[in-house]
Protein backbone atom coordinates (compact mmCIF):
# COMPACT_ATOMS: atom_id res chain seq x y z
CA MET A 1 -110.60 48.88 -91.88
CA ASP A 2 -109.09 45.82 -93.51
CA LYS A 3 -107.02 43.23 -91.65
CA THR A 4 -103.65 44.47 -92.97
CA ALA A 5 -104.26 48.05 -91.85
CA GLU A 6 -105.39 46.84 -88.45
CA GLN A 7 -102.22 44.76 -88.02
CA TYR A 8 -100.07 47.70 -89.16
CA TRP A 9 -101.56 50.03 -86.57
CA LYS A 10 -101.38 47.38 -83.88
CA ARG A 11 -97.63 46.96 -84.51
CA THR A 12 -97.10 50.74 -84.75
CA LEU A 13 -98.94 51.48 -81.51
CA GLY A 14 -97.12 48.61 -79.79
CA LEU A 15 -93.79 50.14 -80.79
CA ILE A 16 -94.84 53.57 -79.56
CA ARG A 17 -96.05 52.05 -76.27
CA ASN A 18 -92.74 50.24 -75.72
CA VAL A 19 -90.65 53.32 -76.52
CA LEU A 20 -92.73 55.43 -74.13
CA ILE A 21 -92.36 52.84 -71.37
CA VAL A 22 -88.57 52.92 -71.71
CA TRP A 23 -88.66 56.73 -71.86
CA PHE A 24 -90.71 56.87 -68.66
CA LEU A 25 -88.54 54.36 -66.80
CA VAL A 26 -85.35 56.20 -67.71
CA SER A 27 -86.55 59.75 -67.11
CA TYR A 28 -88.81 59.30 -64.12
CA GLY A 29 -87.51 56.01 -62.72
CA ALA A 30 -83.72 56.31 -62.99
CA GLY A 31 -83.66 60.10 -62.73
CA ILE A 32 -86.07 60.53 -59.79
CA ILE A 33 -87.51 57.42 -58.12
CA PHE A 34 -84.42 55.19 -58.06
CA ALA A 35 -81.86 58.01 -57.95
CA GLY A 36 -81.10 57.36 -54.27
CA ALA A 37 -80.38 53.68 -54.86
CA LEU A 38 -78.36 54.42 -57.99
CA ASP A 39 -76.24 57.02 -56.21
CA SER A 40 -74.18 54.27 -54.56
CA ILE A 41 -72.70 53.55 -58.01
CA LYS A 42 -70.26 56.10 -59.42
CA ILE A 43 -69.71 56.82 -63.11
CA GLY A 44 -67.02 59.31 -64.04
CA GLY A 45 -66.81 60.31 -60.37
CA TYR A 46 -70.48 61.24 -60.17
CA PRO A 47 -73.35 59.31 -58.58
CA LEU A 48 -75.26 57.26 -61.18
CA GLY A 49 -78.64 58.73 -60.21
CA PHE A 50 -77.32 62.25 -60.78
CA TRP A 51 -75.67 61.17 -64.04
CA PHE A 52 -78.95 59.72 -65.35
CA ALA A 53 -80.84 62.87 -64.42
CA GLN A 54 -78.28 65.14 -66.11
CA GLN A 55 -76.81 63.21 -69.05
CA GLY A 56 -77.69 59.53 -69.16
CA ALA A 57 -81.34 60.09 -69.97
CA ILE A 58 -80.38 62.21 -72.98
CA TYR A 59 -78.19 59.41 -74.36
CA ILE A 60 -81.02 56.92 -73.90
CA PHE A 61 -83.51 59.28 -75.57
CA VAL A 62 -81.26 59.70 -78.62
CA ALA A 63 -80.83 55.91 -78.80
CA LEU A 64 -84.64 55.55 -78.60
CA ILE A 65 -85.04 57.91 -81.57
CA PHE A 66 -82.73 55.78 -83.71
CA TYR A 67 -84.37 52.55 -82.50
CA TYR A 68 -87.85 53.90 -83.27
CA ALA A 69 -86.85 55.11 -86.75
CA LYS A 70 -85.18 51.82 -87.67
CA THR A 71 -88.01 49.66 -86.31
CA MET A 72 -90.70 51.85 -87.89
CA GLU A 73 -88.93 51.63 -91.25
CA LYS A 74 -88.93 47.83 -90.90
CA ILE A 75 -92.66 47.80 -90.09
CA ASP A 76 -93.40 50.11 -93.04
CA ARG A 77 -91.49 47.83 -95.41
CA GLU A 78 -93.24 44.76 -94.02
CA PHE A 79 -96.68 46.26 -94.75
CA ASP A 80 -95.56 47.89 -98.02
CA VAL A 81 -96.22 51.48 -96.91
CA ASP A 82 -92.61 52.69 -97.03
CA GLU A 83 -91.65 55.84 -98.93
CA GLN A 84 -89.08 54.23 -101.25
């Protein structure tokens, strides 16, 4: 594999790793592990830990999708493998 392809995959896998770390921290961390500590904060009248488990994680996941798509498009353009 040439140097450019190796750098492309390194950047792509780094992006995937970072998105999965955020996904894990939000879903498992905020929704389960830290839910007790977050429950002292209220948002819309509901404890924050409950809110993350029910709704907040979904908002973060949708934001991650848009972040991933935008960043991946930038990486593709940088390495000249974009579809346009």
